[in-house]
Each structure stands twice: as C-alpha cells, then as structure tokens.
C-alpha cells in the first residue's frame, strides 16, 4: 500500500444520508465523503462532486437540526441532505 493511499484512508470521513429526489442526483441514499468542518464547505464539496446539486434547493441537517446559515459540523455528526418538503 502506498503512502498516499494510507493517508487517504486515515482522513476523517462524514457519513451523509440523502433523501427524496436528491437520491436520484447523487445515486445513493448514503454517501461517505471527506470530513468538512462546516455546512458551507460541506455544500461546496457536495456541489463539486455532484454539480447538479448546485441548481437544486436542499437543506442540510446536522444532528437532526436544520442548519440556518453556516454552522460547524462535528466529527461523527449525523448529517442529512433534505429536499424541500411540505406537510400537513
């Protein structure tokens, strides 16, 4: 195993659950991506990997709380991408 591969494996990761029509865009209901320290950099990383997300409206929930603006993402946080929803 090369040193660069070892370094990739040692980097912190985030598990991201994906819901609704966003599953069709990213191709799965569960992503494992490189750790991002806040919701702004998380959104940027997701949009870089999945450019169609840039034109979609979606919310990011951290530990089951919808983020409003940029908030910190703790390592091991429960992260979810949520499409717009309405309820009754």
N, C-alpha and C. Protein backbone atom coordinates (compact mmCIF):
# COMPACT_ATOMS: atom_id res chain seq x y z
N UNK A 1 0.85 -1.17 0.00
CA UNK A 1 0.00 0.00 0.00
C UNK A 1 0.89 1.23 0.00
N UNK A 2 0.61 2.17 -0.89
CA UNK A 2 1.43 3.36 -0.98
C UNK A 2 1.11 4.32 0.16
N UNK A 3 2.02 5.23 0.40
CA UNK A 3 1.83 6.22 1.46
C UNK A 3 0.61 7.08 1.18
N UNK A 4 0.40 7.49 -0.07
CA UNK A 4 -0.75 8.34 -0.39
C UNK A 4 -2.06 7.61 -0.13
N UNK A 5 -2.12 6.31 -0.41
CA UNK A 5 -3.33 5.53 -0.14
C UNK A 5 -3.56 5.45 1.36
N UNK A 6 -2.50 5.23 2.12
CA UNK A 6 -2.63 5.19 3.57
C UNK A 6 -3.16 6.52 4.08
N UNK A 7 -2.64 7.64 3.58
CA UNK A 7 -3.11 8.94 4.02
C UNK A 7 -4.59 9.14 3.70
N UNK A 8 -5.04 8.69 2.54
CA UNK A 8 -6.45 8.80 2.18
C UNK A 8 -7.31 8.04 3.18
N UNK A 9 -6.87 6.84 3.57
CA UNK A 9 -7.65 6.03 4.50
C UNK A 9 -7.69 6.64 5.89
N UNK A 10 -6.65 7.40 6.27
CA UNK A 10 -6.58 7.98 7.59
C UNK A 10 -7.37 9.28 7.72
N UNK A 11 -7.80 9.86 6.62
CA UNK A 11 -8.51 11.13 6.68
C UNK A 11 -9.90 10.94 7.28
N UNK A 12 -10.34 11.88 8.10
CA UNK A 12 -11.68 11.77 8.68
C UNK A 12 -12.76 11.80 7.59
N UNK A 13 -13.80 11.05 7.81
CA UNK A 13 -14.90 10.95 6.86
C UNK A 13 -16.21 11.38 7.51
N UNK A 14 -17.14 11.78 6.68
CA UNK A 14 -18.50 12.08 7.13
C UNK A 14 -19.45 11.12 6.43
N UNK A 15 -20.38 10.57 7.20
CA UNK A 15 -21.46 9.79 6.63
C UNK A 15 -22.63 10.74 6.43
N UNK A 16 -23.17 10.76 5.22
CA UNK A 16 -24.25 11.68 4.86
C UNK A 16 -25.42 10.87 4.34
N UNK A 17 -26.58 11.03 4.98
CA UNK A 17 -27.80 10.39 4.49
C UNK A 17 -28.48 11.33 3.51
N UNK A 18 -29.02 10.78 2.45
CA UNK A 18 -29.61 11.56 1.36
C UNK A 18 -31.07 11.14 1.20
N UNK A 19 -31.97 12.12 1.04
CA UNK A 19 -33.40 11.82 0.99
C UNK A 19 -34.05 12.38 -0.27
N UNK A 20 -35.21 11.79 -0.59
CA UNK A 20 -36.07 12.29 -1.66
C UNK A 20 -35.39 12.29 -3.01
N UNK A 21 -35.73 13.30 -3.80
CA UNK A 21 -35.21 13.37 -5.17
C UNK A 21 -33.69 13.54 -5.22
N UNK A 22 -33.09 13.93 -4.11
CA UNK A 22 -31.63 14.08 -4.08
C UNK A 22 -30.92 12.74 -4.25
N UNK A 23 -31.60 11.64 -3.87
CA UNK A 23 -31.03 10.30 -4.06
C UNK A 23 -30.77 10.06 -5.54
N UNK A 24 -31.71 10.48 -6.39
CA UNK A 24 -31.55 10.31 -7.83
C UNK A 24 -30.39 11.11 -8.39
N UNK A 25 -30.08 12.23 -7.78
CA UNK A 25 -28.99 13.08 -8.25
C UNK A 25 -27.63 12.50 -7.86
N UNK A 26 -27.50 12.05 -6.62
CA UNK A 26 -26.21 11.53 -6.17
C UNK A 26 -26.07 10.02 -6.39
N UNK A 27 -27.19 9.35 -6.67
CA UNK A 27 -27.14 7.94 -7.00
C UNK A 27 -27.18 6.97 -5.83
N UNK A 28 -27.36 7.49 -4.62
CA UNK A 28 -27.39 6.62 -3.45
C UNK A 28 -28.06 7.36 -2.29
N UNK A 29 -28.54 6.61 -1.31
CA UNK A 29 -29.15 7.20 -0.11
C UNK A 29 -28.12 7.41 1.00
N UNK A 30 -26.88 7.01 0.75
CA UNK A 30 -25.84 7.15 1.77
C UNK A 30 -24.51 7.49 1.09
N UNK A 31 -23.91 8.59 1.50
CA UNK A 31 -22.61 9.00 0.99
C UNK A 31 -21.59 8.94 2.12
N UNK A 32 -20.37 8.65 1.75
CA UNK A 32 -19.24 8.76 2.69
C UNK A 32 -18.26 9.69 1.99
N UNK A 33 -18.07 10.86 2.58
CA UNK A 33 -17.23 11.87 1.96
C UNK A 33 -16.17 12.35 2.95
N UNK A 34 -15.19 13.06 2.43
CA UNK A 34 -14.14 13.63 3.28
C UNK A 34 -14.78 14.62 4.25
N UNK A 35 -14.31 14.60 5.48
CA UNK A 35 -14.82 15.49 6.52
C UNK A 35 -14.72 16.96 6.09
N UNK A 36 -15.80 17.69 6.35
CA UNK A 36 -15.85 19.14 6.12
C UNK A 36 -16.22 19.80 7.45
N UNK A 37 -15.56 20.89 7.83
CA UNK A 37 -15.74 21.45 9.17
C UNK A 37 -17.02 22.25 9.38
N UNK A 38 -17.67 22.65 8.29
CA UNK A 38 -18.92 23.42 8.45
C UNK A 38 -19.83 23.18 7.25
N UNK A 39 -21.06 23.66 7.37
CA UNK A 39 -22.05 23.38 6.32
C UNK A 39 -21.73 24.09 5.01
N UNK A 40 -21.06 25.23 5.05
CA UNK A 40 -20.70 25.93 3.81
C UNK A 40 -19.69 25.12 3.00
N UNK A 41 -18.64 24.63 3.66
CA UNK A 41 -17.65 23.83 2.93
C UNK A 41 -18.22 22.46 2.56
N UNK A 42 -19.12 21.94 3.36
CA UNK A 42 -19.79 20.69 3.03
C UNK A 42 -20.60 20.85 1.74
N UNK A 43 -21.37 21.92 1.67
CA UNK A 43 -22.18 22.18 0.46
C UNK A 43 -21.26 22.35 -0.76
N UNK A 44 -20.18 23.10 -0.61
CA UNK A 44 -19.23 23.29 -1.72
C UNK A 44 -18.65 21.96 -2.19
N UNK A 45 -18.26 21.10 -1.26
CA UNK A 45 -17.69 19.80 -1.61
C UNK A 45 -18.72 18.93 -2.33
N UNK A 46 -19.95 18.94 -1.84
CA UNK A 46 -21.01 18.15 -2.47
C UNK A 46 -21.31 18.65 -3.88
N UNK A 47 -21.36 19.97 -4.05
CA UNK A 47 -21.64 20.54 -5.36
C UNK A 47 -20.48 20.32 -6.33
N UNK A 48 -19.26 20.23 -5.82
CA UNK A 48 -18.12 19.92 -6.68
C UNK A 48 -18.19 18.47 -7.17
N UNK A 49 -18.60 17.57 -6.29
CA UNK A 49 -18.70 16.15 -6.66
C UNK A 49 -19.96 15.85 -7.46
N UNK A 50 -21.03 16.59 -7.20
CA UNK A 50 -22.32 16.38 -7.86
C UNK A 50 -22.83 17.74 -8.35
N UNK A 51 -22.34 18.22 -9.49
CA UNK A 51 -22.65 19.57 -9.98
C UNK A 51 -24.14 19.88 -10.09
N UNK A 52 -24.98 18.90 -10.33
CA UNK A 52 -26.42 19.14 -10.43
C UNK A 52 -26.99 19.66 -9.12
N UNK A 53 -26.36 19.33 -8.00
CA UNK A 53 -26.83 19.84 -6.70
C UNK A 53 -26.79 21.36 -6.63
N UNK A 54 -25.90 21.98 -7.39
CA UNK A 54 -25.77 23.44 -7.34
C UNK A 54 -27.05 24.14 -7.78
N UNK A 55 -27.84 23.48 -8.63
CA UNK A 55 -29.09 24.10 -9.10
C UNK A 55 -30.31 23.59 -8.33
N UNK A 56 -30.08 22.78 -7.32
CA UNK A 56 -31.18 22.23 -6.51
C UNK A 56 -31.32 23.00 -5.20
N UNK A 57 -32.54 23.06 -4.73
CA UNK A 57 -32.80 23.60 -3.40
C UNK A 57 -32.81 22.42 -2.43
N UNK A 58 -31.97 22.49 -1.42
CA UNK A 58 -31.97 21.45 -0.40
C UNK A 58 -31.42 22.00 0.91
N UNK A 59 -31.81 21.37 1.99
CA UNK A 59 -31.34 21.76 3.32
C UNK A 59 -30.34 20.72 3.81
N UNK A 60 -29.48 21.18 4.69
CA UNK A 60 -28.55 20.28 5.37
C UNK A 60 -28.95 20.25 6.84
N UNK A 61 -29.16 19.05 7.35
CA UNK A 61 -29.46 18.89 8.78
C UNK A 61 -28.23 18.29 9.45
N UNK A 62 -27.88 18.86 10.58
CA UNK A 62 -26.76 18.38 11.39
C UNK A 62 -27.34 17.94 12.73
N UNK A 63 -27.14 16.68 13.06
CA UNK A 63 -27.69 16.11 14.29
C UNK A 63 -29.18 16.41 14.42
N UNK A 64 -29.88 16.23 13.29
CA UNK A 64 -31.35 16.36 13.19
C UNK A 64 -31.87 17.77 13.39
N UNK A 65 -30.98 18.76 13.22
CA UNK A 65 -31.37 20.17 13.30
C UNK A 65 -31.04 20.81 11.95
N UNK A 66 -32.06 21.43 11.33
CA UNK A 66 -31.80 22.10 10.05
C UNK A 66 -30.85 23.26 10.26
N UNK A 67 -29.84 23.32 9.41
CA UNK A 67 -28.89 24.42 9.53
C UNK A 67 -29.49 25.67 8.91
N UNK A 68 -29.27 26.76 9.55
CA UNK A 68 -29.71 28.06 9.05
C UNK A 68 -28.46 28.90 8.91
N UNK A 69 -27.91 28.95 7.71
CA UNK A 69 -26.62 29.61 7.52
C UNK A 69 -25.51 28.60 7.71
N UNK A 70 -24.34 29.09 8.00
CA UNK A 70 -23.18 28.22 8.18
C UNK A 70 -23.03 27.84 9.64
N UNK A 71 -23.00 26.53 9.88
CA UNK A 71 -22.77 26.03 11.24
C UNK A 71 -21.67 24.98 11.21
N UNK A 72 -21.06 24.76 12.34
CA UNK A 72 -19.98 23.77 12.46
C UNK A 72 -20.54 22.36 12.33
N UNK A 73 -19.70 21.49 11.78
CA UNK A 73 -20.03 20.07 11.67
C UNK A 73 -19.01 19.31 12.51
N UNK A 74 -19.47 18.69 13.58
CA UNK A 74 -18.57 17.91 14.43
C UNK A 74 -18.25 16.58 13.77
N UNK A 75 -17.08 16.07 14.03
CA UNK A 75 -16.76 14.73 13.54
C UNK A 75 -17.75 13.76 14.15
N UNK A 76 -18.26 12.87 13.33
CA UNK A 76 -19.25 11.90 13.81
C UNK A 76 -20.67 12.43 13.83
N UNK A 77 -20.89 13.64 13.35
CA UNK A 77 -22.23 14.23 13.35
C UNK A 77 -23.17 13.44 12.44
N UNK A 78 -24.44 13.48 12.76
CA UNK A 78 -25.49 12.92 11.92
C UNK A 78 -25.81 13.97 10.87
N UNK A 79 -25.46 13.70 9.61
CA UNK A 79 -25.62 14.67 8.53
C UNK A 79 -26.64 14.14 7.54
N UNK A 80 -27.58 15.01 7.12
CA UNK A 80 -28.59 14.60 6.15
C UNK A 80 -28.82 15.72 5.15
N UNK A 81 -29.05 15.32 3.90
CA UNK A 81 -29.44 16.25 2.84
C UNK A 81 -30.93 16.06 2.61
N UNK A 82 -31.67 17.15 2.72
CA UNK A 82 -33.12 17.09 2.64
C UNK A 82 -33.65 17.98 1.53
N UNK A 83 -34.47 17.42 0.63
CA UNK A 83 -35.09 18.25 -0.39
C UNK A 83 -36.20 19.09 0.24
N UNK A 84 -36.72 20.08 -0.48
CA UNK A 84 -37.86 20.83 0.06
C UNK A 84 -39.01 19.87 0.36
N UNK A 85 -39.74 20.15 1.40
CA UNK A 85 -40.87 19.30 1.73
C UNK A 85 -42.00 20.16 2.27
N UNK A 86 -43.19 19.64 2.12
CA UNK A 86 -44.36 20.30 2.70
C UNK A 86 -45.10 19.24 3.48
N UNK A 87 -45.83 19.66 4.44
CA UNK A 87 -46.52 18.68 5.27
C UNK A 87 -47.84 19.21 5.77
N UNK A 88 -48.47 18.37 6.44
CA UNK A 88 -49.76 18.76 6.96
C UNK A 88 -50.12 17.99 8.17
